[in-house]
């Protein structure tokens, strides 16, 4: 019955679900150990934004996930032959309220950029994470960035919420805004997530087909996409060099797989 709802109704229902998660008393109790700022000295986004980005208002989970994801980005860049210290500019695509972006506050010599489809999230980052340049992107490309703007782009938990056609559009855009030899890091729901799928979905996944739920709300957390390794290699990697593939390697994003494409 839920699947039959319109995209607008689904979004409203999911927003209600998110608001309810901010009221979890156990999480509220755990959060009491923090004041208005985190141990890194930066402000903490409000509970509503933490839930929207991380699925929970739990501050420790938000910060720990961001630290792990930043380390994964650093490791994956090195695996792709472009250590982070050699990147003149990096884009956090789908930056949310800075869960990962805040980890780079002491990075020197690299221009930091963040973009997200949600203006409220971008505005919070713009106000509180002033070391990065922020912008709002549309659901579909193009972006506002000039060709060859970045040495690296990372997009965690982004393609996991898009149908195939939209993924391919953004892949083309990422190639445009990356410099020659630049790296794209992204995550996917791979084999680890098979238990979430219904029998017919697992059969499609085993055949190398993309599985997408709630396609009527692409880009939202309700839209869930599952990528067989073969689909990524056969359908998404065209025109790219696969620099690295690490099953469950997108640390800080539960057990998502990590891919590194070179332009």
Foldseek 3Di string as FASTA:
>chain_A
DLLPDFLVVNVVVVLVVLVVQLVPPVLVVQCVVDDQPDPVRFGDDQQSQLCQQPVHSRPVLLQVLLVFLLVLVQVVCVLLVQHPLNKQEEEEEQCRLNSNPVVCLPPPNYAYEYEHQDVVSQVNCVVTVVSHHYDYAHLADDGPAAFQQTLEYEYECQVQQADQVRLQRVLVNVNRNHHAFGKYKYWFAEPVCLVVDDPVQNVCVVVQHKDWGSNSNGRGPRIGIHGYPSCCVPPVQVPWDWSDKAQLSSGSRGRIIMTMTTD
